[in-house]
Protein backbone atom coordinates (compact mmCIF):
# COMPACT_ATOMS: atom_id res chain seq x y z
CA UNK A 1 0.00 0.21 -0.10
CA UNK A 2 1.23 3.49 -0.90
CA UNK A 3 1.07 6.28 1.27
CA UNK A 4 -0.79 9.41 0.43
CA UNK A 5 1.46 12.70 0.80
CA UNK A 6 -0.53 15.22 2.56
CA UNK A 7 0.32 18.76 2.26
CA UNK A 8 -0.13 20.84 5.65
CA UNK A 9 -2.23 23.72 5.09
CA UNK A 10 -0.33 26.81 6.84
CA UNK A 11 -1.84 28.41 9.68
CA UNK A 12 -1.89 32.13 10.13
CA UNK A 13 -0.05 33.48 13.06
CA UNK A 14 -2.19 35.38 15.28
CA UNK A 15 0.14 37.94 16.84
CA UNK A 16 0.13 40.27 13.67
CA UNK A 17 -3.58 40.20 13.46
CA UNK A 18 -3.97 41.12 16.91
CA UNK A 19 -1.18 43.89 16.80
CA UNK A 20 -2.62 45.00 13.30
CA UNK A 21 -5.91 45.39 14.88
CA UNK A 22 -4.86 47.11 17.72
CA UNK A 23 -2.89 49.74 15.81
CA UNK A 24 -5.97 50.48 13.54
CA UNK A 25 -8.34 50.80 16.49
CA UNK A 26 -6.03 53.28 18.17
CA UNK A 27 -5.80 55.52 15.09
CA UNK A 28 -9.39 55.33 14.50
CA UNK A 29 -10.53 55.76 18.07
CA UNK A 30 -7.63 58.59 18.34
CA UNK A 31 -9.14 60.34 15.41
CA UNK A 32 -12.57 60.00 16.60
CA UNK A 33 -11.60 61.66 19.74
CA UNK A 34 -10.05 64.48 18.67
CA UNK A 35 -12.48 65.30 15.64
CA UNK A 36 -15.76 64.18 17.34
CA UNK A 37 -18.29 66.36 18.63
CA UNK A 38 -18.01 67.99 22.11
CA UNK A 39 -20.23 65.75 24.17
CA UNK A 40 -19.68 67.85 27.59
CA UNK A 41 -22.13 70.61 26.77
CA UNK A 42 -25.26 70.35 29.08
CA UNK A 43 -23.50 68.42 32.02
CA UNK A 44 -21.44 70.75 33.49
CA UNK A 45 -18.61 67.98 33.08
CA UNK A 46 -15.07 69.07 31.43
CA UNK A 47 -12.52 66.60 30.49
CA UNK A 48 -8.73 67.76 29.39
CA UNK A 49 -8.68 66.61 25.77
CA UNK A 50 -5.53 64.73 26.45
CA UNK A 51 -7.60 62.49 29.16
CA UNK A 52 -10.26 61.83 26.36
CA UNK A 53 -7.60 61.05 23.83
CA UNK A 54 -5.98 58.52 26.21
CA UNK A 55 -9.14 56.72 27.35
CA UNK A 56 -10.56 56.48 23.49
CA UNK A 57 -6.76 55.17 22.68
CA UNK A 58 -6.97 52.53 25.14
CA UNK A 59 -10.45 51.48 24.25
CA UNK A 60 -9.38 51.41 20.47
CA UNK A 61 -6.69 49.17 21.18
CA UNK A 62 -8.84 46.65 23.22
CA UNK A 63 -11.41 46.86 20.54
CA UNK A 64 -8.87 46.51 17.61
CA UNK A 65 -7.12 43.65 19.33
CA UNK A 66 -10.52 41.66 19.92
CA UNK A 67 -11.48 42.29 16.15
CA UNK A 68 -7.92 41.20 15.07
CA UNK A 69 -8.37 37.78 17.30
CA UNK A 70 -11.64 37.32 15.88
CA UNK A 71 -10.36 37.42 12.51
CA UNK A 72 -7.84 34.85 13.30
CA UNK A 73 -10.26 32.68 14.92
CA UNK A 74 -12.27 32.81 11.69
CA UNK A 75 -9.54 32.17 9.21
CA UNK A 76 -8.36 29.14 11.40
CA UNK A 77 -11.70 27.64 11.72
CA UNK A 78 -11.99 24.07 9.94
CA UNK A 79 -15.13 22.41 9.12
C-alpha cells in the first residue's frame, strides 16, 4: 500500500493580526476623539482633551485587538 502525501495547510500567525487590529483601533478611536463632537455640553463636566484621547486610545487598542483575534479565529476555523 502506498502512502498518500498530504500537504499541511499553513496557519496564520495570530500576533500580527492582533497587533494590526490594535494599531488600527488606536488610530481610528484617536481620530474620533480628536475630531468628534463635544459631548460635555449640558452636563457641567469638562474633560481635558488629552485625557479623552488617552481613554479613547486605550479603548481603541482593546477593541482593535479583539477584532483582530476574531479574524484569526475565523481564518483558522476548519469545518
